[in-house]
Protein backbone atom coordinates (compact mmCIF):
# COMPACT_ATOMS: atom_id res chain seq x y z
CA MET A 1 -7.78 -39.50 -38.66
CA LYS A 2 -8.16 -42.64 -36.50
CA THR A 3 -10.22 -41.71 -34.34
CA THR A 4 -13.71 -40.11 -34.03
CA VAL A 5 -14.88 -38.23 -31.34
CA VAL A 6 -18.55 -38.68 -29.71
CA ILE A 7 -20.09 -37.05 -27.77
CA ALA A 8 -23.54 -37.80 -25.47
CA THR A 9 -25.39 -34.73 -24.35
CA ARG A 10 -28.96 -33.85 -23.30
CA ASN A 11 -30.08 -30.03 -22.62
CA ARG A 12 -26.48 -28.48 -22.50
CA ALA A 13 -26.54 -26.48 -25.90
CA ASP A 14 -24.10 -23.28 -24.74
CA GLU A 15 -21.41 -25.66 -23.27
CA LEU A 16 -21.92 -27.97 -26.12
CA ALA A 17 -21.33 -25.49 -28.20
CA ARG A 18 -17.53 -24.24 -26.61
CA THR A 19 -17.06 -28.23 -26.67
CA LEU A 20 -17.31 -28.44 -30.30
CA GLY A 21 -15.49 -25.19 -31.05
CA GLU A 22 -12.58 -26.03 -28.71
CA LEU A 23 -12.44 -30.52 -30.42
CA SER A 24 -13.09 -28.04 -34.34
CA GLU A 25 -9.71 -26.29 -33.55
CA LEU A 26 -7.87 -29.52 -33.59
CA HIS A 27 -5.47 -30.48 -36.38
CA PRO A 28 -6.22 -32.28 -38.10
CA ARG A 29 -9.92 -31.98 -37.19
CA PRO A 30 -11.34 -34.94 -35.76
CA PRO A 31 -14.81 -36.82 -37.35
CA ILE A 32 -17.34 -35.33 -34.45
CA ILE A 33 -20.27 -37.49 -33.60
CA VAL A 34 -23.16 -35.75 -31.38
CA VAL A 35 -25.74 -38.12 -29.60
CA ASP A 36 -28.67 -36.15 -28.62
CA ASN A 37 -30.61 -37.72 -25.49
CA ALA A 38 -33.45 -36.11 -26.81
CA SER A 39 -33.11 -32.08 -25.85
CA THR A 40 -35.52 -30.19 -25.98
CA ASP A 41 -33.57 -26.59 -26.34
CA HIS A 42 -31.31 -25.65 -29.17
CA THR A 43 -29.03 -28.62 -29.51
CA ALA A 44 -29.71 -29.43 -33.04
CA ASP A 45 -29.01 -25.95 -34.25
CA VAL A 46 -25.68 -26.00 -32.04
CA VAL A 47 -24.25 -29.18 -33.61
CA HIS A 48 -25.15 -28.29 -37.57
CA ALA A 49 -23.44 -25.38 -36.76
CA ALA A 50 -20.03 -26.60 -36.36
CA GLY A 51 -20.39 -29.30 -38.59
CA ALA A 52 -20.35 -32.27 -36.54
CA ARG A 53 -22.45 -35.35 -37.38
CA LEU A 54 -26.03 -35.14 -34.86
CA LEU A 55 -27.75 -38.65 -34.07
CA SER A 56 -30.59 -37.45 -32.42
CA LEU A 57 -32.37 -39.71 -29.74
CA PRO A 58 -36.37 -40.64 -29.38
CA ARG A 59 -35.59 -40.83 -25.74
CA ASN A 60 -32.81 -40.34 -22.94
CA LEU A 61 -30.48 -43.14 -22.65
CA GLY A 62 -28.39 -42.06 -20.45
CA ALA A 63 -24.37 -43.43 -20.45
CA ALA A 64 -26.00 -46.33 -23.10
CA ALA A 65 -26.58 -43.79 -25.84
CA ARG A 66 -22.62 -43.46 -26.48
CA ASN A 67 -23.02 -47.07 -27.77
CA ILE A 68 -25.36 -45.04 -30.46
CA GLY A 69 -21.98 -42.93 -31.18
CA VAL A 70 -19.73 -45.94 -30.93
CA ALA A 71 -21.58 -47.93 -33.97
CA ALA A 72 -21.85 -45.06 -36.40
CA ALA A 73 -18.21 -44.34 -36.12
CA ARG A 74 -16.16 -45.39 -38.88
CA THR A 75 -13.06 -45.30 -37.40
CA PRO A 76 -11.14 -48.13 -35.20
CA TYR A 77 -11.10 -45.74 -32.10
CA VAL A 78 -13.39 -43.34 -30.82
CA ALA A 79 -12.59 -41.28 -27.79
CA PHE A 80 -15.42 -39.73 -25.50
CA SER A 81 -15.93 -36.48 -25.03
CA ASP A 82 -18.56 -34.93 -21.89
CA ASP A 83 -20.04 -31.48 -23.70
CA ASP A 84 -18.36 -29.62 -21.09
CA SER A 85 -14.99 -31.74 -22.12
CA TRP A 86 -12.83 -31.56 -24.88
CA TRP A 87 -9.24 -33.23 -25.51
CA ALA A 88 -5.27 -31.78 -26.27
CA PRO A 89 -4.36 -30.44 -29.44
CA ASP A 90 -1.73 -34.02 -29.68
CA ALA A 91 -3.85 -36.16 -27.25
CA LEU A 92 -5.72 -37.99 -29.79
CA ALA A 93 -2.37 -38.53 -32.61
CA LYS A 94 -0.49 -39.95 -28.72
CA ALA A 95 -3.62 -42.04 -28.25
CA GLU A 96 -3.32 -43.34 -31.57
CA LEU A 97 0.28 -44.21 -31.80
CA LEU A 98 -0.11 -46.35 -28.60
CA PHE A 99 -3.27 -48.36 -29.77
CA ASP A 100 -1.41 -49.36 -33.13
CA ARG A 101 1.43 -49.83 -31.22
CA HIS A 102 -0.18 -52.69 -28.56
CA ALA A 103 -2.86 -55.24 -29.73
CA ARG A 104 -4.33 -56.05 -26.44
CA LEU A 105 -4.85 -52.34 -25.67
CA GLY A 106 -8.68 -51.46 -24.88
CA LEU A 107 -8.95 -48.49 -23.37
CA ILE A 108 -6.94 -45.61 -22.30
CA ALA A 109 -8.04 -43.30 -19.16
CA GLY A 110 -5.95 -39.95 -20.05
CA LYS A 111 -5.42 -37.48 -17.27
CA THR A 112 -8.33 -34.78 -16.53
CA LEU A 113 -7.70 -31.29 -15.96
CA VAL A 114 -10.18 -29.91 -14.34
CA GLY A 115 -11.71 -25.77 -15.29
CA PRO A 116 -9.37 -22.70 -16.29
CA GLU A 117 -6.86 -23.40 -13.37
CA ASN A 118 -5.83 -26.74 -14.83
CA ARG A 119 -6.08 -28.62 -12.03
CA PRO A 120 -5.68 -32.66 -12.08
CA ASP A 121 -8.84 -34.30 -11.13
CA PRO A 122 -8.80 -36.46 -7.88
CA VAL A 123 -8.41 -39.61 -9.87
CA VAL A 124 -5.62 -38.74 -11.82
CA GLU A 125 -3.46 -39.62 -8.97
CA LEU A 126 -5.68 -42.80 -8.24
CA MET A 127 -4.59 -44.21 -11.76
CA ALA A 128 -1.18 -42.80 -11.72
CA ARG A 129 -0.29 -44.68 -8.59
CA SER A 130 -2.48 -48.38 -9.52
CA PRO A 131 -1.76 -50.62 -6.95
CA LEU A 132 -2.33 -52.98 -9.98
CA GLY A 133 1.04 -51.74 -10.95
CA ARG A 134 2.06 -52.24 -15.16
CA ASP A 135 1.28 -55.38 -16.97
CA GLU A 136 4.40 -56.86 -19.43
CA GLY A 137 3.94 -55.02 -22.62
CA SER A 138 1.54 -52.35 -21.70
CA PRO A 139 2.35 -48.24 -22.21
CA GLY A 140 1.11 -47.66 -19.02
CA PRO A 141 -0.16 -48.37 -15.23
CA ALA A 142 -3.24 -51.09 -15.61
CA VAL A 143 -6.46 -49.49 -14.03
CA LEU A 144 -10.15 -51.07 -13.72
CA GLY A 145 -11.91 -47.56 -13.63
CA PHE A 146 -11.30 -44.55 -15.61
CA LEU A 147 -13.31 -41.35 -16.29
CA ALA A 148 -15.60 -41.23 -19.50
CA CYS A 149 -14.55 -37.69 -20.33
CA SER A 150 -11.24 -38.57 -20.50
CA ALA A 151 -11.47 -41.96 -22.72
CA ILE A 152 -10.35 -43.47 -25.47
CA VAL A 153 -11.88 -47.54 -26.41
CA ARG A 154 -11.05 -49.41 -29.42
CA ALA A 155 -14.06 -49.93 -31.08
CA ARG A 156 -13.75 -53.18 -31.75
CA ALA A 157 -12.80 -53.75 -27.95
CA PHE A 158 -15.72 -51.30 -26.67
CA ALA A 159 -18.32 -53.03 -29.57
CA ASN A 160 -17.20 -56.84 -28.66
CA CYS A 161 -17.76 -56.24 -24.44
CA GLY A 162 -21.60 -54.29 -25.62
CA GLY A 163 -20.34 -50.87 -24.26
CA PHE A 164 -21.89 -48.93 -21.94
CA ASP A 165 -24.84 -51.43 -20.65
CA PRO A 166 -28.58 -49.71 -20.48
CA LEU A 167 -29.32 -51.04 -16.98
CA LEU A 168 -27.26 -49.05 -15.07
CA HIS A 169 -28.57 -45.34 -17.21
CA PHE A 170 -26.58 -42.89 -15.87
CA GLY A 171 -23.94 -43.01 -12.27
CA ALA A 172 -20.91 -45.38 -12.21
CA GLU A 173 -21.07 -47.43 -15.68
CA GLU A 174 -16.81 -47.07 -16.27
CA LYS A 175 -17.02 -49.39 -14.04
CA LEU A 176 -18.88 -52.08 -15.38
CA LEU A 177 -17.18 -51.66 -18.68
CA SER A 178 -14.07 -51.63 -17.16
CA TYR A 179 -14.85 -55.28 -15.55
CA ASP A 180 -15.87 -56.46 -18.80
CA LEU A 181 -13.06 -55.15 -20.89
CA ALA A 182 -10.97 -56.56 -18.42
CA ALA A 183 -12.66 -59.97 -18.40
CA ALA A 184 -12.94 -60.60 -22.70
CA GLY A 185 -8.51 -60.06 -21.90
CA TRP A 186 -8.15 -56.78 -22.85
CA GLN A 187 -5.34 -53.91 -20.90
CA LEU A 188 -7.47 -50.61 -19.58
CA CYS A 189 -3.81 -48.40 -18.84
CA TYR A 190 -3.63 -44.96 -17.68
CA ILE A 191 -1.65 -42.50 -20.15
CA GLU A 192 -0.27 -39.29 -18.14
CA GLU A 193 0.70 -37.44 -21.86
CA VAL A 194 -2.75 -38.38 -23.21
CA VAL A 195 -5.09 -35.03 -21.65
CA ALA A 196 -8.45 -33.96 -21.60
CA HIS A 197 -9.88 -30.64 -20.01
CA HIS A 198 -13.34 -30.75 -18.23
CA HIS A 199 -14.59 -27.04 -17.27
CA PRO A 200 -18.13 -28.78 -15.00
CA SER A 201 -21.44 -27.02 -16.58
CA PRO A 202 -23.33 -25.60 -13.57
CA SER A 203 -26.33 -27.28 -14.83
CA ARG A 204 -25.47 -30.19 -12.88
CA MET A 205 -27.42 -33.58 -11.19
CA ARG A 206 -27.64 -32.10 -7.84
CA ALA A 207 -25.00 -34.34 -5.89
CA SER A 208 -27.78 -35.94 -3.30
CA ARG A 209 -29.05 -38.05 -6.61
CA ARG A 210 -25.86 -38.58 -8.18
CA ARG A 211 -25.01 -40.61 -4.99
CA ARG A 212 -28.26 -42.37 -4.52
CA LEU A 213 -28.03 -42.92 -8.53
CA GLU A 214 -23.95 -44.42 -8.15
CA ALA A 215 -24.86 -46.54 -4.46
CA ARG A 216 -27.87 -48.28 -6.73
CA ASN A 217 -25.68 -49.04 -10.00
CA ASN A 218 -22.57 -49.86 -7.77
CA LEU A 219 -25.15 -52.66 -6.24
CA LEU A 220 -26.82 -53.53 -9.88
CA ILE A 221 -22.75 -54.16 -10.52
CA THR A 222 -21.74 -56.54 -7.40
CA TRP A 223 -24.85 -58.77 -8.31
CA LEU A 224 -24.18 -58.37 -12.20
CA ARG A 225 -20.70 -59.83 -11.41
CA ARG A 226 -19.14 -60.10 -8.50
CA THR A 227 -19.06 -63.23 -5.55
CA PRO A 228 -22.22 -64.48 -3.65
CA ARG A 229 -20.16 -63.16 -0.47
CA GLN A 230 -19.66 -59.79 -2.28
CA CYS A 231 -23.79 -59.45 -3.32
CA LEU A 232 -24.62 -59.88 0.46
CA ALA A 233 -21.85 -57.56 2.07
CA ALA A 234 -22.74 -54.52 -0.84
CA VAL A 235 -26.83 -55.45 -0.11
CA ALA A 236 -26.23 -54.56 3.98
CA ALA A 237 -24.05 -51.38 2.47
CA THR A 238 -26.61 -50.05 0.32
CA PRO A 239 -28.52 -47.36 1.78
CA PRO A 240 -32.38 -47.77 1.24
CA ARG A 241 -33.50 -45.69 -1.61
CA ALA A 242 -30.95 -47.45 -3.70
CA LEU A 243 -31.46 -50.52 -2.63
CA ALA A 244 -34.89 -49.95 -3.81
CA GLY A 245 -33.99 -49.50 -7.26
CA ALA A 246 -31.78 -51.72 -7.90
CA ALA A 247 -33.60 -54.47 -6.54
CA ARG A 248 -36.53 -53.12 -8.89
CA ARG A 249 -34.03 -54.29 -11.53
CA LEU A 250 -33.18 -57.16 -10.34
CA PRO A 251 -34.86 -59.55 -12.66
CA ALA A 252 -32.83 -58.63 -15.01
CA VAL A 253 -29.28 -58.78 -13.32
CA LEU A 254 -30.70 -62.48 -12.65
CA ARG A 255 -31.20 -62.95 -16.85
CA ARG A 256 -27.65 -61.48 -17.58
CA ARG A 257 -25.31 -62.56 -14.26
CA GLN A 258 -21.72 -63.42 -15.11
CA ARG A 259 -19.12 -63.62 -12.46
CA LEU A 260 -15.72 -61.83 -13.26
CA PRO A 261 -13.07 -64.61 -14.19
CA ARG A 262 -10.90 -65.17 -10.72
CA ALA A 263 -7.86 -62.96 -11.81
CA VAL A 264 -10.19 -60.24 -12.36
CA GLU A 265 -12.01 -60.33 -9.39
CA ALA A 266 -8.79 -60.44 -7.73
CA ARG A 267 -7.80 -57.33 -8.99
CA VAL A 268 -11.08 -55.94 -8.25
CA ARG A 269 -10.32 -57.43 -4.69
CA LEU A 270 -6.89 -55.10 -4.46
CA LEU A 271 -8.17 -51.97 -5.16
CA GLU A 272 -10.84 -52.27 -2.92
CA GLY A 273 -8.58 -53.64 -0.07
CA THR A 274 -10.76 -56.96 0.22
CA PRO A 275 -9.72 -60.70 1.06
């Protein structure tokens, strides 16, 4: 196999057990690395029982825990699963062929099927009908976003862009990585035939808190990568609690701010429908 599966998890041992069981049924079985975000349940026992590699963290790093898994992988490609998602039997092999054939391909956004009914996630149609069209020589529609539970990356591209930014911790982390990959010249494509299954865990963050974190992080991403005009507009549109959370991270943003290249900024505006 040329692909390692990386899973970041925290206190979802029972869901993780199912995911590892599904991944273990793949032929050939890929290497699996589980990065444990300081769980207090029986996650370690589940990982050991499944024969996967466990990387235990002393504290919760959120989405950036995946970076540690990618760094530990010894394959050119890395597929992300959540602790409640897994890959279809032929998905990784199809992705490997595309990466081998397309040297500029940095990320594949797969088709996410939700629940036992295999309902396409709403984002699937958005990616399939991407207004960005298809870049010359690319294997699918161009995208500037993805679902981490159904994404496969070229490990070198991921590492060169710094992976998931720890500043965000959790929420909207895919957007910033998409921007940075595109800014570095990598192609990001939606591929219909690369399928992941997602059975959402009942143990989930409260919807209100998730919305607040996503609003905070969307503002941080704007401050990090967008024009001054976009930054001001984003501040005005952000709810007060999310704005306060972003403001506490402003010194780190200012140290690391780097605007998108004009071509990528133009693509972002096309997706947003802004002039």
